[in-house]
Amino acid sequence: DVTGEPLVQRSDDNADALKKRLVTYHEQTSPVVG
């Protein structure tokens, strides 16, 4: 919207990769909240 430059869709923005990333996120990152 601001520059008019092309947008992209990341290679890891798909359902299979997302499920793996969520597992990794909850296992490794959630303790940071604590």
All heavy atoms as atom14 arrays in JSON, in Angstrom:
{
  "sequence": "DVTGEPLVQRSDDNADALKKRLVTYHEQTSPVVG",
  "atom14_mask": [
    [1, 1, 1, 1, 1, 1, 1, 1, 0, 0, 0, 0, 0, 0],
    [1, 1, 1, 1, 1, 1, 1, 0, 0, 0, 0, 0, 0, 0],
    [1, 1, 1, 1, 1, 1, 1, 0, 0, 0, 0, 0, 0, 0],
    [1, 1, 1, 1, 0, 0, 0, 0, 0, 0, 0, 0, 0, 0],
    [1, 1, 1, 1, 1, 1, 1, 1, 1, 0, 0, 0, 0, 0],
    [1, 1, 1, 1, 1, 1, 1, 0, 0, 0, 0, 0, 0, 0],
    [1, 1, 1, 1, 1, 1, 1, 1, 0, 0, 0, 0, 0, 0],
    [1, 1, 1, 1, 1, 1, 1, 0, 0, 0, 0, 0, 0, 0],
    [1, 1, 1, 1, 1, 1, 1, 1, 1, 0, 0, 0, 0, 0],
    [1, 1, 1, 1, 1, 1, 1, 1, 1, 1, 1, 0, 0, 0],
    [1, 1, 1, 1, 1, 1, 0, 0, 0, 0, 0, 0, 0, 0],
    [1, 1, 1, 1, 1, 1, 1, 1, 0, 0, 0, 0, 0, 0],
    [1, 1, 1, 1, 1, 1, 1, 1, 0, 0, 0, 0, 0, 0],
    [1, 1, 1, 1, 1, 1, 1, 1, 0, 0, 0, 0, 0, 0],
    [1, 1, 1, 1, 1, 0, 0, 0, 0, 0, 0, 0, 0, 0],
    [1, 1, 1, 1, 1, 1, 1, 1, 0, 0, 0, 0, 0, 0],
    [1, 1, 1, 1, 1, 0, 0, 0, 0, 0, 0, 0, 0, 0],
    [1, 1, 1, 1, 1, 1, 1, 1, 0, 0, 0, 0, 0, 0],
    [1, 1, 1, 1, 1, 1, 1, 1, 1, 0, 0, 0, 0, 0],
    [1, 1, 1, 1, 1, 1, 1, 1, 1, 0, 0, 0, 0, 0],
    [1, 1, 1, 1, 1, 1, 1, 1, 1, 1, 1, 0, 0, 0],
    [1, 1, 1, 1, 1, 1, 1, 1, 0, 0, 0, 0, 0, 0],
    [1, 1, 1, 1, 1, 1, 1, 0, 0, 0, 0, 0, 0, 0],
    [1, 1, 1, 1, 1, 1, 1, 0, 0, 0, 0, 0, 0, 0],
    [1, 1, 1, 1, 1, 1, 1, 1, 1, 1, 1, 1, 0, 0],
    [1, 1, 1, 1, 1, 1, 1, 1, 1, 1, 0, 0, 0, 0],
    [1, 1, 1, 1, 1, 1, 1, 1, 1, 0, 0, 0, 0, 0],
    [1, 1, 1, 1, 1, 1, 1, 1, 1, 0, 0, 0, 0, 0],
    [1, 1, 1, 1, 1, 1, 1, 0, 0, 0, 0, 0, 0, 0],
    [1, 1, 1, 1, 1, 1, 0, 0, 0, 0, 0, 0, 0, 0],
    [1, 1, 1, 1, 1, 1, 1, 0, 0, 0, 0, 0, 0, 0],
    [1, 1, 1, 1, 1, 1, 1, 0, 0, 0, 0, 0, 0, 0],
    [1, 1, 1, 1, 1, 1, 1, 0, 0, 0, 0, 0, 0, 0],
    [1, 1, 1, 1, 0, 0, 0, 0, 0, 0, 0, 0, 0, 0]
  ],
  "atom14_positions": [
    [[0.81, -1.22, 0.0], [0.0, 0.0, 0.0], [0.84, 1.27, 0.0], [0.45, 2.28, -0.58], [-0.93, 0.02, 1.23], [-2.06, -0.99, 1.13], [-2.25, -1.56, 0.04], [-2.76, -1.19, 2.15], [0.0, 0.0, 0.0], [0.0, 0.0, 0.0], [0.0, 0.0, 0.0], [0.0, 0.0, 0.0], [0.0, 0.0, 0.0], [0.0, 0.0, 0.0]],
    [[1.99, 1.23, 0.67], [2.8, 2.44, 0.85], [3.72, 2.7, -0.35], [3.76, 3.8, -0.89], [3.63, 2.35, 2.14], [4.53, 3.58, 2.29], [2.72, 2.2, 3.35], [0.0, 0.0, 0.0], [0.0, 0.0, 0.0], [0.0, 0.0, 0.0], [0.0, 0.0, 0.0], [0.0, 0.0, 0.0], [0.0, 0.0, 0.0], [0.0, 0.0, 0.0]],
    [[4.45, 1.66, -0.78], [5.46, 1.85, -1.82], [5.03, 1.37, -3.2], [5.63, 1.77, -4.2], [6.75, 1.09, -1.45], [6.46, -0.32, -1.44], [7.25, 1.51, -0.08], [0.0, 0.0, 0.0], [0.0, 0.0, 0.0], [0.0, 0.0, 0.0], [0.0, 0.0, 0.0], [0.0, 0.0, 0.0], [0.0, 0.0, 0.0], [0.0, 0.0, 0.0]],
    [[4.02, 0.52, -3.26], [3.62, -0.05, -4.54], [4.52, -1.19, -5.0], [4.34, -1.74, -6.09], [0.0, 0.0, 0.0], [0.0, 0.0, 0.0], [0.0, 0.0, 0.0], [0.0, 0.0, 0.0], [0.0, 0.0, 0.0], [0.0, 0.0, 0.0], [0.0, 0.0, 0.0], [0.0, 0.0, 0.0], [0.0, 0.0, 0.0], [0.0, 0.0, 0.0]],
    [[5.48, -1.57, -4.14], [6.4, -2.65, -4.48], [5.71, -4.0, -4.34], [4.72, -4.12, -3.61], [7.65, -2.58, -3.6], [8.48, -1.33, -3.84], [9.61, -1.16, -2.82], [9.61, -1.89, -1.82], [10.47, -0.28, -3.05], [0.0, 0.0, 0.0], [0.0, 0.0, 0.0], [0.0, 0.0, 0.0], [0.0, 0.0, 0.0], [0.0, 0.0, 0.0]],
    [[6.24, -5.05, -5.0], [5.59, -6.36, -4.97], [5.58, -6.98, -3.57], [6.52, -6.82, -2.8], [6.44, -7.21, -5.93], [7.26, -6.25, -6.7], [7.42, -5.03, -5.88], [0.0, 0.0, 0.0], [0.0, 0.0, 0.0], [0.0, 0.0, 0.0], [0.0, 0.0, 0.0], [0.0, 0.0, 0.0], [0.0, 0.0, 0.0], [0.0, 0.0, 0.0]],
    [[4.5, -7.7, -3.27], [4.41, -8.5, -2.05], [4.8, -9.94, -2.38], [4.7, -10.37, -3.53], [2.98, -8.46, -1.5], [2.42, -7.08, -1.15], [0.97, -7.2, -0.71], [3.25, -6.41, -0.06], [0.0, 0.0, 0.0], [0.0, 0.0, 0.0], [0.0, 0.0, 0.0], [0.0, 0.0, 0.0], [0.0, 0.0, 0.0], [0.0, 0.0, 0.0]],
    [[5.23, -10.66, -1.37], [5.63, -12.06, -1.57], [4.94, -12.94, -0.55], [4.5, -12.48, 0.5], [7.16, -12.23, -1.45], [7.89, -11.36, -2.47], [7.64, -11.9, -0.03], [0.0, 0.0, 0.0], [0.0, 0.0, 0.0], [0.0, 0.0, 0.0], [0.0, 0.0, 0.0], [0.0, 0.0, 0.0], [0.0, 0.0, 0.0], [0.0, 0.0, 0.0]],
    [[4.84, -14.22, -0.87], [4.38, -15.22, 0.08], [5.58, -16.08, 0.46], [6.25, -16.63, -0.41], [3.27, -16.1, -0.5], [2.68, -17.04, 0.53], [1.32, -17.58, 0.12], [0.98, -17.57, -1.05], [0.53, -18.03, 1.09], [0.0, 0.0, 0.0], [0.0, 0.0, 0.0], [0.0, 0.0, 0.0], [0.0, 0.0, 0.0], [0.0, 0.0, 0.0]],
    [[5.87, -16.15, 1.75], [7.08, -16.85, 2.21], [6.98, -18.34, 1.93], [5.89, -18.93, 1.97], [7.28, -16.6, 3.7], [7.75, -15.2, 4.01], [7.62, -14.84, 5.47], [7.86, -15.96, 6.38], [7.74, -15.86, 7.7], [7.39, -14.72, 8.25], [7.99, -16.89, 8.47], [0.0, 0.0, 0.0], [0.0, 0.0, 0.0], [0.0, 0.0, 0.0]],
    [[8.12, -18.96, 1.66], [8.16, -20.38, 1.34], [7.72, -21.26, 2.5], [7.25, -22.38, 2.31], [9.58, -20.79, 0.91], [10.51, -20.55, 1.95], [0.0, 0.0, 0.0], [0.0, 0.0, 0.0], [0.0, 0.0, 0.0], [0.0, 0.0, 0.0], [0.0, 0.0, 0.0], [0.0, 0.0, 0.0], [0.0, 0.0, 0.0], [0.0, 0.0, 0.0]],
    [[7.84, -20.75, 3.74], [7.44, -21.56, 4.9], [6.04, -21.22, 5.38], [5.62, -21.67, 6.45], [8.45, -21.42, 6.05], [8.66, -19.98, 6.48], [8.25, -19.06, 5.73], [9.24, -19.76, 7.55], [0.0, 0.0, 0.0], [0.0, 0.0, 0.0], [0.0, 0.0, 0.0], [0.0, 0.0, 0.0], [0.0, 0.0, 0.0], [0.0, 0.0, 0.0]],
    [[5.29, -20.42, 4.59], [3.9, -20.12, 4.94], [2.96, -21.14, 4.28], [2.2, -20.83, 3.36], [3.53, -18.7, 4.5], [3.96, -17.64, 5.5], [4.43, -18.02, 6.58], [3.82, -16.44, 5.19], [0.0, 0.0, 0.0], [0.0, 0.0, 0.0], [0.0, 0.0, 0.0], [0.0, 0.0, 0.0], [0.0, 0.0, 0.0], [0.0, 0.0, 0.0]],
    [[3.02, -22.37, 4.75], [2.11, -23.41, 4.31], [1.72, -24.24, 5.52], [2.38, -24.19, 6.57], [2.74, -24.27, 3.21], [3.98, -24.98, 3.68], [3.93, -25.95, 4.43], [5.15, -24.5, 3.24], [0.0, 0.0, 0.0], [0.0, 0.0, 0.0], [0.0, 0.0, 0.0], [0.0, 0.0, 0.0], [0.0, 0.0, 0.0], [0.0, 0.0, 0.0]],
    [[0.61, -25.0, 5.39], [0.04, -25.68, 6.55], [1.01, -26.66, 7.21], [1.11, -26.71, 8.44], [-1.24, -26.4, 6.13], [0.0, 0.0, 0.0], [0.0, 0.0, 0.0], [0.0, 0.0, 0.0], [0.0, 0.0, 0.0], [0.0, 0.0, 0.0], [0.0, 0.0, 0.0], [0.0, 0.0, 0.0], [0.0, 0.0, 0.0], [0.0, 0.0, 0.0]],
    [[1.73, -27.44, 6.41], [2.64, -28.44, 6.98], [3.78, -27.78, 7.76], [4.1, -28.18, 8.88], [3.22, -29.33, 5.87], [2.16, -30.26, 5.28], [1.16, -30.52, 5.98], [2.34, -30.71, 4.14], [0.0, 0.0, 0.0], [0.0, 0.0, 0.0], [0.0, 0.0, 0.0], [0.0, 0.0, 0.0], [0.0, 0.0, 0.0], [0.0, 0.0, 0.0]],
    [[4.4, -26.76, 7.13], [5.5, -26.06, 7.8], [4.99, -25.35, 9.05], [5.68, -25.3, 10.08], [6.16, -25.07, 6.86], [0.0, 0.0, 0.0], [0.0, 0.0, 0.0], [0.0, 0.0, 0.0], [0.0, 0.0, 0.0], [0.0, 0.0, 0.0], [0.0, 0.0, 0.0], [0.0, 0.0, 0.0], [0.0, 0.0, 0.0], [0.0, 0.0, 0.0]],
    [[3.75, -24.79, 8.98], [3.19, -24.08, 10.13], [3.03, -25.0, 11.34], [3.37, -24.63, 12.46], [1.84, -23.47, 9.76], [1.06, -22.83, 10.92], [1.85, -21.69, 11.55], [-0.3, -22.36, 10.46], [0.0, 0.0, 0.0], [0.0, 0.0, 0.0], [0.0, 0.0, 0.0], [0.0, 0.0, 0.0], [0.0, 0.0, 0.0], [0.0, 0.0, 0.0]],
    [[2.52, -26.22, 11.1], [2.33, -27.15, 12.21], [3.65, -27.46, 12.91], [3.72, -27.53, 14.14], [1.67, -28.43, 11.7], [0.23, -28.23, 11.25], [-0.35, -29.49, 10.63], [-1.78, -29.25, 10.14], [-2.36, -30.44, 9.47], [0.0, 0.0, 0.0], [0.0, 0.0, 0.0], [0.0, 0.0, 0.0], [0.0, 0.0, 0.0], [0.0, 0.0, 0.0]],
    [[4.71, -27.63, 12.12], [6.03, -27.88, 12.71], [6.51, -26.65, 13.49], [7.08, -26.78, 14.58], [7.04, -28.22, 11.61], [6.78, -29.55, 10.91], [7.83, -29.79, 9.84], [7.58, -31.1, 9.1], [8.58, -31.32, 8.03], [0.0, 0.0, 0.0], [0.0, 0.0, 0.0], [0.0, 0.0, 0.0], [0.0, 0.0, 0.0], [0.0, 0.0, 0.0]],
    [[6.29, -25.48, 12.93], [6.73, -24.25, 13.59], [5.98, -24.02, 14.9], [6.55, -23.53, 15.88], [6.55, -23.05, 12.65], [7.48, -23.07, 11.45], [7.06, -22.09, 10.38], [7.24, -20.72, 10.79], [6.67, -19.67, 10.16], [5.9, -19.87, 9.13], [6.91, -18.45, 10.58], [0.0, 0.0, 0.0], [0.0, 0.0, 0.0], [0.0, 0.0, 0.0]],
    [[4.68, -24.39, 14.92], [3.9, -24.21, 16.14], [4.36, -25.16, 17.23], [4.43, -24.78, 18.41], [2.41, -24.43, 15.84], [1.71, -23.3, 15.07], [0.29, -23.7, 14.7], [1.72, -22.01, 15.87], [0.0, 0.0, 0.0], [0.0, 0.0, 0.0], [0.0, 0.0, 0.0], [0.0, 0.0, 0.0], [0.0, 0.0, 0.0], [0.0, 0.0, 0.0]],
    [[4.67, -26.39, 16.86], [5.19, -27.35, 17.84], [6.49, -26.81, 18.44], [6.69, -26.8, 19.66], [5.43, -28.73, 17.2], [6.21, -29.63, 18.15], [4.1, -29.38, 16.83], [0.0, 0.0, 0.0], [0.0, 0.0, 0.0], [0.0, 0.0, 0.0], [0.0, 0.0, 0.0], [0.0, 0.0, 0.0], [0.0, 0.0, 0.0], [0.0, 0.0, 0.0]],
    [[7.37, -26.33, 17.55], [8.65, -25.78, 18.0], [8.43, -24.55, 18.88], [9.08, -24.39, 19.92], [9.52, -25.39, 16.79], [9.69, -26.53, 15.96], [10.89, -24.88, 17.23], [0.0, 0.0, 0.0], [0.0, 0.0, 0.0], [0.0, 0.0, 0.0], [0.0, 0.0, 0.0], [0.0, 0.0, 0.0], [0.0, 0.0, 0.0], [0.0, 0.0, 0.0]],
    [[7.5, -23.69, 18.48], [7.22, -22.47, 19.24], [6.76, -22.8, 20.66], [7.28, -22.26, 21.65], [6.15, -21.63, 18.53], [5.69, -20.46, 19.35], [6.45, -19.29, 19.44], [4.51, -20.52, 20.1], [6.03, -18.22, 20.22], [4.08, -19.46, 20.88], [4.86, -18.31, 20.93], [4.45, -17.26, 21.72], [0.0, 0.0, 0.0], [0.0, 0.0, 0.0]],
    [[5.79, -23.68, 20.78], [5.24, -23.99, 22.1], [6.26, -24.69, 23.0], [6.31, -24.43, 24.19], [3.97, -24.84, 21.95], [2.81, -24.1, 21.38], [2.32, -22.94, 21.93], [2.05, -24.34, 20.28], [1.3, -22.5, 21.21], [1.13, -23.33, 20.21], [0.0, 0.0, 0.0], [0.0, 0.0, 0.0], [0.0, 0.0, 0.0], [0.0, 0.0, 0.0]],
    [[7.06, -25.55, 22.41], [8.06, -26.28, 23.2], [9.18, -25.37, 23.69], [9.62, -25.46, 24.84], [8.64, -27.43, 22.38], [7.68, -28.59, 22.17], [8.3, -29.7, 21.34], [9.39, -29.48, 20.76], [7.68, -30.78, 21.25], [0.0, 0.0, 0.0], [0.0, 0.0, 0.0], [0.0, 0.0, 0.0], [0.0, 0.0, 0.0], [0.0, 0.0, 0.0]],
    [[9.67, -24.49, 22.81], [10.86, -23.7, 23.13], [10.55, -22.3, 23.64], [11.28, -21.76, 24.46], [11.77, -23.6, 21.9], [12.34, -24.94, 21.46], [13.43, -24.77, 20.42], [13.81, -23.65, 20.07], [13.92, -25.87, 19.91], [0.0, 0.0, 0.0], [0.0, 0.0, 0.0], [0.0, 0.0, 0.0], [0.0, 0.0, 0.0], [0.0, 0.0, 0.0]],
    [[9.47, -21.69, 23.14], [9.23, -20.28, 23.42], [8.27, -20.04, 24.57], [8.41, -19.07, 25.31], [8.7, -19.56, 22.16], [9.53, -19.9, 21.05], [8.72, -18.05, 22.35], [0.0, 0.0, 0.0], [0.0, 0.0, 0.0], [0.0, 0.0, 0.0], [0.0, 0.0, 0.0], [0.0, 0.0, 0.0], [0.0, 0.0, 0.0], [0.0, 0.0, 0.0]],
    [[7.29, -20.9, 24.76], [6.32, -20.7, 25.84], [6.97, -20.51, 27.21], [6.49, -19.69, 28.01], [5.31, -21.84, 25.88], [4.49, -21.82, 24.73], [0.0, 0.0, 0.0], [0.0, 0.0, 0.0], [0.0, 0.0, 0.0], [0.0, 0.0, 0.0], [0.0, 0.0, 0.0], [0.0, 0.0, 0.0], [0.0, 0.0, 0.0], [0.0, 0.0, 0.0]],
    [[8.06, -21.23, 27.55], [8.7, -20.99, 28.84], [9.2, -19.55, 29.02], [9.35, -19.09, 30.16], [9.89, -21.97, 28.83], [9.44, -23.09, 27.94], [8.65, -22.4, 26.86], [0.0, 0.0, 0.0], [0.0, 0.0, 0.0], [0.0, 0.0, 0.0], [0.0, 0.0, 0.0], [0.0, 0.0, 0.0], [0.0, 0.0, 0.0], [0.0, 0.0, 0.0]],
    [[9.44, -18.85, 27.92], [9.88, -17.46, 28.01], [8.78, -16.62, 28.66], [9.06, -15.66, 29.39], [10.25, -16.91, 26.62], [10.63, -15.43, 26.7], [11.4, -17.71, 26.02], [0.0, 0.0, 0.0], [0.0, 0.0, 0.0], [0.0, 0.0, 0.0], [0.0, 0.0, 0.0], [0.0, 0.0, 0.0], [0.0, 0.0, 0.0], [0.0, 0.0, 0.0]],
    [[7.52, -16.96, 28.36], [6.4, -16.25, 28.98], [6.49, -16.36, 30.5], [6.34, -15.37, 31.22], [5.06, -16.81, 28.48], [3.9, -16.21, 29.28], [4.88, -16.51, 26.99], [0.0, 0.0, 0.0], [0.0, 0.0, 0.0], [0.0, 0.0, 0.0], [0.0, 0.0, 0.0], [0.0, 0.0, 0.0], [0.0, 0.0, 0.0], [0.0, 0.0, 0.0]],
    [[6.75, -17.57, 30.98], [6.89, -17.77, 32.42], [8.01, -16.94, 33.01], [7.89, -16.4, 34.12], [0.0, 0.0, 0.0], [0.0, 0.0, 0.0], [0.0, 0.0, 0.0], [0.0, 0.0, 0.0], [0.0, 0.0, 0.0], [0.0, 0.0, 0.0], [0.0, 0.0, 0.0], [0.0, 0.0, 0.0], [0.0, 0.0, 0.0], [0.0, 0.0, 0.0]]
  ]
}
